Amino acid sequence: MDWKLFITTFWIVFLAELGDKTQLTAMVMTAKSHKMWTVFLSASLALVLVTFLGVLISDAFASFVPEHIIKKISGISFLIIGLLILLNKI
């Protein structure tokens, strides 16, 4: 296992997920239901599944698209999403 990649990925995802709508949704669901473990387990499973699908699709995509093109597509996508958020279109 590449521990440097593991730790870097962990911290990037951890910091990116702090205070996002998924975390806020889990907080609301817990407050409404008072069933902390059910919400924790189901939210964790959902995040694991979404992450797995993202990695699986990315791995397949990266096998036939060069890395520099993927980076450009990602950067442009983030810029477009940021602009749409800024203009209140999303």
PDB file of N, CA and C in Angstrom:
ATOM      1  N   MET A   1       0.849  -1.184   0.000  1.00  0.00           N
ATOM      2  CA  MET A   1       0.000   0.000   0.000  1.00  0.00           C
ATOM      3  C   MET A   1       0.886   1.235   0.000  1.00  0.00           C
ATOM      4  N   ASP A   2       0.456   2.226  -0.756  1.00  0.00           N
ATOM      5  CA  ASP A   2       1.153   3.506  -0.826  1.00  0.00           C
ATOM      6  C   ASP A   2       0.623   4.383   0.306  1.00  0.00           C
ATOM      7  N   TRP A   3       1.335   4.430   1.427  1.00  0.00           N
ATOM      8  CA  TRP A   3       0.859   5.137   2.613  1.00  0.00           C
ATOM      9  C   TRP A   3       0.799   6.650   2.419  1.00  0.00           C
ATOM     10  N   LYS A   4       1.713   7.191   1.637  1.00  0.00           N
ATOM     11  CA  LYS A   4       1.675   8.632   1.374  1.00  0.00           C
ATOM     12  C   LYS A   4       0.390   8.989   0.620  1.00  0.00           C
ATOM     13  N   LEU A   5       0.048   8.210  -0.396  1.00  0.00           N
ATOM     14  CA  LEU A   5      -1.187   8.426  -1.146  1.00  0.00           C
ATOM     15  C   LEU A   5      -2.403   8.226  -0.251  1.00  0.00           C
ATOM     16  N   PHE A   6      -2.360   7.205   0.591  1.00  0.00           N
ATOM     17  CA  PHE A   6      -3.450   6.921   1.521  1.00  0.00           C
ATOM     18  C   PHE A   6      -3.709   8.112   2.441  1.00  0.00           C
ATOM     19  N   ILE A   7      -2.663   8.611   3.070  1.00  0.00           N
ATOM     20  CA  ILE A   7      -2.803   9.711   4.027  1.00  0.00           C
ATOM     21  C   ILE A   7      -3.235  10.997   3.318  1.00  0.00           C
ATOM     22  N   THR A   8      -2.654  11.278   2.166  1.00  0.00           N
ATOM     23  CA  THR A   8      -3.024  12.469   1.404  1.00  0.00           C
ATOM     24  C   THR A   8      -4.489  12.411   0.987  1.00  0.00           C
ATOM     25  N   THR A   9      -4.919  11.281   0.459  1.00  0.00           N
ATOM     26  CA  THR A   9      -6.316  11.120   0.045  1.00  0.00           C
ATOM     27  C   THR A   9      -7.253  11.261   1.232  1.00  0.00           C
ATOM     28  N   PHE A  10      -6.897  10.628   2.347  1.00  0.00           N
ATOM     29  CA  PHE A  10      -7.725  10.709   3.553  1.00  0.00           C
ATOM     30  C   PHE A  10      -7.950  12.157   3.953  1.00  0.00           C
ATOM     31  N   TRP A  11      -6.875  12.925   4.082  1.00  0.00           N
ATOM     32  CA  TRP A  11      -7.006  14.303   4.558  1.00  0.00           C
ATOM     33  C   TRP A  11      -7.723  15.198   3.563  1.00  0.00           C
ATOM     34  N   ILE A  12      -7.494  15.004   2.279  1.00  0.00           N
ATOM     35  CA  ILE A  12      -8.190  15.818   1.279  1.00  0.00           C
ATOM     36  C   ILE A  12      -9.694  15.555   1.334  1.00  0.00           C
ATOM     37  N   VAL A  13     -10.082  14.287   1.377  1.00  0.00           N
ATOM     38  CA  VAL A  13     -11.510  13.950   1.433  1.00  0.00           C
ATOM     39  C   VAL A  13     -12.111  14.393   2.771  1.00  0.00           C
ATOM     40  N   PHE A  14     -11.391  14.164   3.858  1.00  0.00           N
ATOM     41  CA  PHE A  14     -11.882  14.562   5.183  1.00  0.00           C
ATOM     42  C   PHE A  14     -12.161  16.060   5.233  1.00  0.00           C
ATOM     43  N   LEU A  15     -11.213  16.865   4.790  1.00  0.00           N
ATOM     44  CA  LEU A  15     -11.394  18.316   4.823  1.00  0.00           C
ATOM     45  C   LEU A  15     -12.473  18.776   3.849  1.00  0.00           C
ATOM     46  N   ALA A  16     -12.557  18.126   2.690  1.00  0.00           N
ATOM     47  CA  ALA A  16     -13.568  18.506   1.705  1.00  0.00           C
ATOM     48  C   ALA A  16     -14.976  18.195   2.202  1.00  0.00           C
ATOM     49  N   GLU A  17     -15.119  17.155   2.996  1.00  0.00           N
ATOM     50  CA  GLU A  17     -16.446  16.728   3.454  1.00  0.00           C
ATOM     51  C   GLU A  17     -16.914  17.465   4.705  1.00  0.00           C
ATOM     52  N   LEU A  18     -16.028  18.168   5.396  1.00  0.00           N
ATOM     53  CA  LEU A  18     -16.437  18.872   6.613  1.00  0.00           C
ATOM     54  C   LEU A  18     -17.478  19.937   6.277  1.00  0.00           C
ATOM     55  N   GLY A  19     -18.611  19.850   6.926  1.00  0.00           N
ATOM     56  CA  GLY A  19     -19.643  20.863   6.760  1.00  0.00           C
ATOM     57  C   GLY A  19     -20.372  20.840   5.426  1.00  0.00           C
ATOM     58  N   ASP A  20     -20.201  19.782   4.656  1.00  0.00           N
ATOM     59  CA  ASP A  20     -20.912  19.735   3.372  1.00  0.00           C
ATOM     60  C   ASP A  20     -22.357  19.308   3.603  1.00  0.00           C
ATOM     61  N   LYS A  21     -23.135  19.307   2.536  1.00  0.00           N
ATOM     62  CA  LYS A  21     -24.562  19.010   2.682  1.00  0.00           C
ATOM     63  C   LYS A  21     -24.825  17.582   3.141  1.00  0.00           C
ATOM     64  N   THR A  22     -23.913  16.653   2.849  1.00  0.00           N
ATOM     65  CA  THR A  22     -24.086  15.282   3.329  1.00  0.00           C
ATOM     66  C   THR A  22     -23.973  15.233   4.851  1.00  0.00           C
ATOM     67  N   GLN A  23     -22.983  15.922   5.383  1.00  0.00           N
ATOM     68  CA  GLN A  23     -22.817  15.949   6.836  1.00  0.00           C
ATOM     69  C   GLN A  23     -24.003  16.651   7.497  1.00  0.00           C
ATOM     70  N   LEU A  24     -24.447  17.734   6.916  1.00  0.00           N
ATOM     71  CA  LEU A  24     -25.598  18.446   7.476  1.00  0.00           C
ATOM     72  C   LEU A  24     -26.863  17.591   7.413  1.00  0.00           C
ATOM     73  N   THR A  25     -27.027  16.845   6.338  1.00  0.00           N
ATOM     74  CA  THR A  25     -28.172  15.937   6.224  1.00  0.00           C
ATOM     75  C   THR A  25     -28.125  14.867   7.306  1.00  0.00           C
ATOM     76  N   ALA A  26     -26.944  14.311   7.535  1.00  0.00           N
ATOM     77  CA  ALA A  26     -26.800  13.293   8.589  1.00  0.00           C
ATOM     78  C   ALA A  26     -27.125  13.882   9.958  1.00  0.00           C
ATOM     79  N   MET A  27     -26.739  15.119  10.172  1.00  0.00           N
ATOM     80  CA  MET A  27     -27.052  15.766  11.450  1.00  0.00           C
ATOM     81  C   MET A  27     -28.560  15.935  11.625  1.00  0.00           C
ATOM     82  N   VAL A  28     -29.234  16.356  10.568  1.00  0.00           N
ATOM     83  CA  VAL A  28     -30.686  16.548  10.633  1.00  0.00           C
ATOM     84  C   VAL A  28     -31.388  15.206  10.844  1.00  0.00           C
ATOM     85  N   MET A  29     -30.955  14.188  10.104  1.00  0.00           N
ATOM     86  CA  MET A  29     -31.574  12.862  10.244  1.00  0.00           C
ATOM     87  C   MET A  29     -31.393  12.324  11.663  1.00  0.00           C
ATOM     88  N   THR A  30     -30.222  12.538  12.236  1.00  0.00           N
ATOM     89  CA  THR A  30     -29.975  12.084  13.610  1.00  0.00           C
ATOM     90  C   THR A  30     -30.839  12.858  14.599  1.00  0.00           C
ATOM     91  N   ALA A  31     -30.921  14.167  14.404  1.00  0.00           N
ATOM     92  CA  ALA A  31     -31.730  14.989  15.317  1.00  0.00           C
ATOM     93  C   ALA A  31     -33.207  14.601  15.255  1.00  0.00           C
ATOM     94  N   LYS A  32     -33.706  14.280  14.061  1.00  0.00           N
ATOM     95  CA  LYS A  32     -35.116  13.902  13.909  1.00  0.00           C
ATOM     96  C   LYS A  32     -35.410  12.518  14.474  1.00  0.00           C
ATOM     97  N   SER A  33     -34.508  11.577  14.201  1.00  0.00           N
ATOM     98  CA  SER A  33     -34.798  10.182  14.542  1.00  0.00           C
ATOM     99  C   SER A  33     -34.244   9.750  15.901  1.00  0.00           C
ATOM    100  N   HIS A  34     -33.212  10.439  16.367  1.00  0.00           N
ATOM    101  CA  HIS A  34     -32.510  10.050  17.598  1.00  0.00           C
ATOM    102  C   HIS A  34     -31.938   8.635  17.482  1.00  0.00           C
ATOM    103  N   LYS A  35     -31.589   8.235  16.262  1.00  0.00           N
ATOM    104  CA  LYS A  35     -31.014   6.910  16.010  1.00  0.00           C
ATOM    105  C   LYS A  35     -29.643   7.101  15.369  1.00  0.00           C
ATOM    106  N   MET A  36     -28.692   7.508  16.207  1.00  0.00           N
ATOM    107  CA  MET A  36     -27.358   7.871  15.766  1.00  0.00           C
ATOM    108  C   MET A  36     -26.682   6.761  14.972  1.00  0.00           C
ATOM    109  N   TRP A  37     -26.719   5.543  15.461  1.00  0.00           N
ATOM    110  CA  TRP A  37     -25.984   4.460  14.797  1.00  0.00           C
ATOM    111  C   TRP A  37     -26.587   4.074  13.456  1.00  0.00           C
ATOM    112  N   THR A  38     -27.908   4.122  13.349  1.00  0.00           N
ATOM    113  CA  THR A  38     -28.548   3.816  12.067  1.00  0.00           C
ATOM    114  C   THR A  38     -28.161   4.855  11.020  1.00  0.00           C
ATOM    115  N   VAL A  39     -28.206   6.120  11.397  1.00  0.00           N
ATOM    116  CA  VAL A  39     -27.835   7.191  10.472  1.00  0.00           C
ATOM    117  C   VAL A  39     -26.354   7.098  10.131  1.00  0.00           C
ATOM    118  N   PHE A  40     -25.518   6.861  11.138  1.00  0.00           N
ATOM    119  CA  PHE A  40     -24.075   6.755  10.903  1.00  0.00           C
ATOM    120  C   PHE A  40     -23.755   5.617   9.937  1.00  0.00           C
ATOM    121  N   LEU A  41     -24.309   4.449  10.179  1.00  0.00           N
ATOM    122  CA  LEU A  41     -24.012   3.294   9.325  1.00  0.00           C
ATOM    123  C   LEU A  41     -24.544   3.479   7.906  1.00  0.00           C
ATOM    124  N   SER A  42     -25.760   3.994   7.775  1.00  0.00           N
ATOM    125  CA  SER A  42     -26.316   4.160   6.429  1.00  0.00           C
ATOM    126  C   SER A  42     -25.596   5.269   5.659  1.00  0.00           C
ATOM    127  N   ALA A  43     -25.268   6.375   6.320  1.00  0.00           N
ATOM    128  CA  ALA A  43     -24.528   7.454   5.648  1.00  0.00           C
ATOM    129  C   ALA A  43     -23.120   6.989   5.275  1.00  0.00           C
ATOM    130  N   SER A  44     -22.490   6.228   6.142  1.00  0.00           N
ATOM    131  CA  SER A  44     -21.146   5.708   5.855  1.00  0.00           C
ATOM    132  C   SER A  44     -21.172   4.762   4.666  1.00  0.00           C
ATOM    133  N   LEU A  45     -22.161   3.878   4.635  1.00  0.00           N
ATOM    134  CA  LEU A  45     -22.284   2.942   3.520  1.00  0.00           C
ATOM    135  C   LEU A  45     -22.528   3.687   2.204  1.00  0.00           C
ATOM    136  N   ALA A  46     -23.377   4.712   2.256  1.00  0.00           N
ATOM    137  CA  ALA A  46     -23.650   5.500   1.052  1.00  0.00           C
ATOM    138  C   ALA A  46     -22.380   6.190   0.554  1.00  0.00           C
ATOM    139  N   LEU A  47     -21.595   6.768   1.468  1.00  0.00           N
ATOM    140  CA  LEU A  47     -20.360   7.432   1.073  1.00  0.00           C
ATOM    141  C   LEU A  47     -19.346   6.443   0.503  1.00  0.00           C
ATOM    142  N   VAL A  48     -19.257   5.268   1.112  1.00  0.00           N
ATOM    143  CA  VAL A  48     -18.346   4.234   0.597  1.00  0.00           C
ATOM    144  C   VAL A  48     -18.764   3.807  -0.803  1.00  0.00           C
ATOM    145  N   LEU A  49     -20.057   3.597  -1.022  1.00  0.00           N
ATOM    146  CA  LEU A  49     -20.547   3.167  -2.331  1.00  0.00           C
ATOM    147  C   LEU A  49     -20.311   4.233  -3.403  1.00  0.00           C
ATOM    148  N   VAL A  50     -20.610   5.488  -3.074  1.00  0.00           N
ATOM    149  CA  VAL A  50     -20.397   6.577  -4.037  1.00  0.00           C
ATOM    150  C   VAL A  50     -18.907   6.711  -4.364  1.00  0.00           C
ATOM    151  N   THR A  51     -18.064   6.601  -3.352  1.00  0.00           N
ATOM    152  CA  THR A  51     -16.618   6.692  -3.570  1.00  0.00           C
ATOM    153  C   THR A  51     -16.131   5.531  -4.423  1.00  0.00           C
ATOM    154  N   PHE A  52     -16.627   4.329  -4.144  1.00  0.00           N
ATOM    155  CA  PHE A  52     -16.240   3.156  -4.927  1.00  0.00           C
ATOM    156  C   PHE A  52     -16.627   3.324  -6.393  1.00  0.00           C
ATOM    157  N   LEU A  53     -17.841   3.787  -6.637  1.00  0.00           N
ATOM    158  CA  LEU A  53     -18.282   4.004  -8.019  1.00  0.00           C
ATOM    159  C   LEU A  53     -17.419   5.060  -8.713  1.00  0.00           C
ATOM    160  N   GLY A  54     -17.093   6.123  -7.997  1.00  0.00           N
ATOM    161  CA  GLY A  54     -16.241   7.159  -8.568  1.00  0.00           C
ATOM    162  C   GLY A  54     -14.867   6.637  -8.931  1.00  0.00           C
ATOM    163  N   VAL A  55     -14.280   5.842  -8.049  1.00  0.00           N
ATOM    164  CA  VAL A  55     -12.958   5.262  -8.309  1.00  0.00           C
ATOM    165  C   VAL A  55     -13.032   4.265  -9.463  1.00  0.00           C
ATOM    166  N   LEU A  56     -14.054   3.446  -9.481  1.00  0.00           N
ATOM    167  CA  LEU A  56     -14.221   2.450 -10.539  1.00  0.00           C
ATOM    168  C   LEU A  56     -14.377   3.113 -11.913  1.00  0.00           C
ATOM    169  N   ILE A  57     -15.233   4.111 -11.978  1.00  0.00           N
ATOM    170  CA  ILE A  57     -15.459   4.821 -13.241  1.00  0.00           C
ATOM    171  C   ILE A  57     -14.200   5.575 -13.662  1.00  0.00           C
ATOM    172  N   SER A  58     -13.543   6.216 -12.702  1.00  0.00           N
ATOM    173  CA  SER A  58     -12.309   6.955 -13.008  1.00  0.00           C
ATOM    174  C   SER A  58     -11.214   6.038 -13.517  1.00  0.00           C
ATOM    175  N   ASP A  59     -11.101   4.867 -12.933  1.00  0.00           N
ATOM    176  CA  ASP A  59     -10.080   3.914 -13.362  1.00  0.00           C
ATOM    177  C   ASP A  59     -10.329   3.474 -14.801  1.00  0.00           C
ATOM    178  N   ALA A  60     -11.583   3.197 -15.123  1.00  0.00           N
ATOM    179  CA  ALA A  60     -11.926   2.799 -16.494  1.00  0.00           C
ATOM    180  C   ALA A  60     -11.686   3.955 -17.463  1.00  0.00           C
ATOM    181  N   PHE A  61     -12.095   5.154 -17.072  1.00  0.00           N
ATOM    182  CA  PHE A  61     -11.935   6.342 -17.905  1.00  0.00           C
ATOM    183  C   PHE A  61     -10.454   6.645 -18.149  1.00  0.00           C
ATOM    184  N   ALA A  62      -9.645   6.518 -17.084  1.00  0.00           N
ATOM    185  CA  ALA A  62      -8.214   6.831 -17.181  1.00  0.00           C
ATOM    186  C   ALA A  62      -7.457   5.829 -18.044  1.00  0.00           C
ATOM    187  N   SER A  63      -8.045   4.677 -18.299  1.00  0.00           N
ATOM    188  CA  SER A  63      -7.347   3.674 -19.110  1.00  0.00           C
ATOM    189  C   SER A  63      -7.329   4.039 -20.592  1.00  0.00           C
ATOM    190  N   PHE A  64      -8.220   4.969 -21.026  1.00  0.00           N
ATOM    191  CA  PHE A  64      -8.200   5.340 -22.440  1.00  0.00           C
ATOM    192  C   PHE A  64      -8.140   6.852 -22.682  1.00  0.00           C
ATOM    193  N   VAL A  65      -8.113   7.661 -21.604  1.00  0.00           N
ATOM    194  CA  VAL A  65      -7.979   9.111 -21.755  1.00  0.00           C
ATOM    195  C   VAL A  65      -6.701   9.541 -21.028  1.00  0.00           C
ATOM    196  N   PRO A  66      -5.817  10.284 -21.688  1.00  0.00           N
ATOM    197  CA  PRO A  66      -4.572  10.718 -21.055  1.00  0.00           C
ATOM    198  C   PRO A  66      -4.819  11.590 -19.812  1.00  0.00           C
ATOM    199  N   GLU A  67      -3.904  11.487 -18.852  1.00  0.00           N
ATOM    200  CA  GLU A  67      -4.048  12.193 -17.578  1.00  0.00           C
ATOM    201  C   GLU A  67      -4.157  13.706 -17.758  1.00  0.00           C
ATOM    202  N   HIS A  68      -3.370  14.286 -18.662  1.00  0.00           N
ATOM    203  CA  HIS A  68      -3.406  15.744 -18.817  1.00  0.00           C
ATOM    204  C   HIS A  68      -4.773  16.228 -19.320  1.00  0.00           C
ATOM    205  N   ILE A  69      -5.458  15.421 -20.090  1.00  0.00           N
ATOM    206  CA  ILE A  69      -6.802  15.782 -20.559  1.00  0.00           C
ATOM    207  C   ILE A  69      -7.801  15.680 -19.407  1.00  0.00           C
ATOM    208  N   ILE A  70      -7.661  14.654 -18.587  1.00  0.00           N
ATOM    209  CA  ILE A  70      -8.540  14.502 -17.420  1.00  0.00           C
ATOM    210  C   ILE A  70      -8.376  15.692 -16.484  1.00  0.00           C
ATOM    211  N   LYS A  71      -7.128  16.137 -16.273  1.00  0.00           N
ATOM    212  CA  LYS A  71      -6.886  17.296 -15.403  1.00  0.00           C
ATOM    213  C   LYS A  71      -7.523  18.554 -15.980  1.00  0.00           C
ATOM    214  N   LYS A  72      -7.426  18.740 -17.284  1.00  0.00           N
ATOM    215  CA  LYS A  72      -8.039  19.921 -17.913  1.00  0.00           C
ATOM    216  C   LYS A  72      -9.559  19.869 -17.809  1.00  0.00           C
ATOM    217  N   ILE A  73     -10.137  18.707 -18.061  1.00  0.00           N
ATOM    218  CA  ILE A  73     -11.598  18.552 -17.952  1.00  0.00           C
ATOM    219  C   ILE A  73     -12.049  18.833 -16.514  1.00  0.00           C
ATOM    220  N   SER A  74     -11.313  18.310 -15.536  1.00  0.00           N
ATOM    221  CA  SER A  74     -11.654  18.532 -14.127  1.00  0.00           C
ATOM    222  C   SER A  74     -11.578  20.003 -13.767  1.00  0.00           C
ATOM    223  N   GLY A  75     -10.498  20.655 -14.182  1.00  0.00           N
ATOM    224  CA  GLY A  75     -10.331  22.074 -13.884  1.00  0.00           C
ATOM    225  C   GLY A  75     -11.422  22.924 -14.497  1.00  0.00           C
ATOM    226  N   ILE A  76     -11.730  22.675 -15.742  1.00  0.00           N
ATOM    227  CA  ILE A  76     -12.787  23.427 -16.429  1.00  0.00           C
ATOM    228  C   ILE A  76     -14.143  23.166 -15.769  1.00  0.00           C
ATOM    229  N   SER A  77     -14.396  21.916 -15.387  1.00  0.00           N
ATOM    230  CA  SER A  77     -15.656  21.576 -14.718  1.00  0.00           C
ATOM    231  C   SER A  77     -15.805  22.329 -13.401  1.00  0.00           C
ATOM    232  N   PHE A  78     -14.729  22.375 -12.606  1.00  0.00           N
ATOM    233  CA  PHE A  78     -14.776  23.101 -11.336  1.00  0.00           C
ATOM    234  C   PHE A  78     -15.009  24.594 -11.568  1.00  0.00           C
ATOM    235  N   LEU A  79     -14.371  25.149 -12.585  1.00  0.00           N
ATOM    236  CA  LEU A  79     -14.567  26.562 -12.890  1.00  0.00           C
ATOM    237  C   LEU A  79     -16.020  26.841 -13.287  1.00  0.00           C
ATOM    238  N   ILE A  80     -16.582  25.987 -14.123  1.00  0.00           N
ATOM    239  CA  ILE A  80     -17.972  26.168 -14.557  1.00  0.00           C
ATOM    240  C   ILE A  80     -18.923  26.054 -13.370  1.00  0.00           C
ATOM    241  N   ILE A  81     -18.721  25.041 -12.544  1.00  0.00           N
ATOM    242  CA  ILE A  81     -19.589  24.860 -11.371  1.00  0.00           C
ATOM    243  C   ILE A  81     -19.456  26.057 -10.430  1.00  0.00           C
ATOM    244  N   GLY A  82     -18.217  26.504 -10.196  1.00  0.00           N
ATOM    245  CA  GLY A  82     -18.002  27.671  -9.338  1.00  0.00           C
ATOM    246  C   GLY A  82     -18.683  28.920  -9.882  1.00  0.00           C
ATOM    247  N   LEU A  83     -18.589  29.122 -11.180  1.00  0.00           N
ATOM    248  CA  LEU A  83     -19.229  30.273 -11.818  1.00  0.00           C
ATOM    249  C   LEU A  83     -20.755  30.184 -11.696  1.00  0.00           C
ATOM    250  N   LEU A  84     -21.300  28.988 -11.926  1.00  0.00           N
ATOM    251  CA  LEU A  84     -22.754  28.815 -11.795  1.00  0.00           C
ATOM    252  C   LEU A  84     -23.222  29.045 -10.371  1.00  0.00           C
ATOM    253  N   ILE A  85     -22.448  28.596  -9.401  1.00  0.00           N
ATOM    254  CA  ILE A  85     -22.798  28.841  -7.997  1.00  0.00           C
ATOM    255  C   ILE A  85     -22.734  30.342  -7.699  1.00  0.00           C
ATOM    256  N   LEU A  86     -21.673  30.984  -8.192  1.00  0.00           N
ATOM    257  CA  LEU A  86     -21.508  32.412  -7.975  1.00  0.00           C
ATOM    258  C   LEU A  86     -22.672  33.211  -8.566  1.00  0.00           C
ATOM    259  N   LEU A  87     -23.171  32.774  -9.698  1.00  0.00           N
ATOM    260  CA  LEU A  87     -24.283  33.453 -10.353  1.00  0.00           C
ATOM    261  C   LEU A  87     -25.643  32.961  -9.884  1.00  0.00           C
ATOM    262  N   ASN A  88     -25.666  32.118  -8.855  1.00  0.00           N
ATOM    263  CA  ASN A  88     -26.900  31.556  -8.289  1.00  0.00           C
ATOM    264  C   ASN A  88     -27.707  30.783  -9.318  1.00  0.00           C
ATOM    265  N   LYS A  89     -27.043  30.070 -10.203  1.00  0.00           N
ATOM    266  CA  LYS A  89     -27.726  29.244 -11.211  1.00  0.00           C
ATOM    267  C   LYS A  89     -27.860  27.803 -10.735  1.00  0.00           C
ATOM    268  N   ILE A  90     -27.184  27.470  -9.662  1.00  0.00           N
ATOM    269  CA  ILE A  90     -27.274  26.108  -9.104  1.00  0.00           C
ATOM    270  C   ILE A  90     -27.836  26.199  -7.716  1.00  0.00           C
TER     271      ILE A  90
END
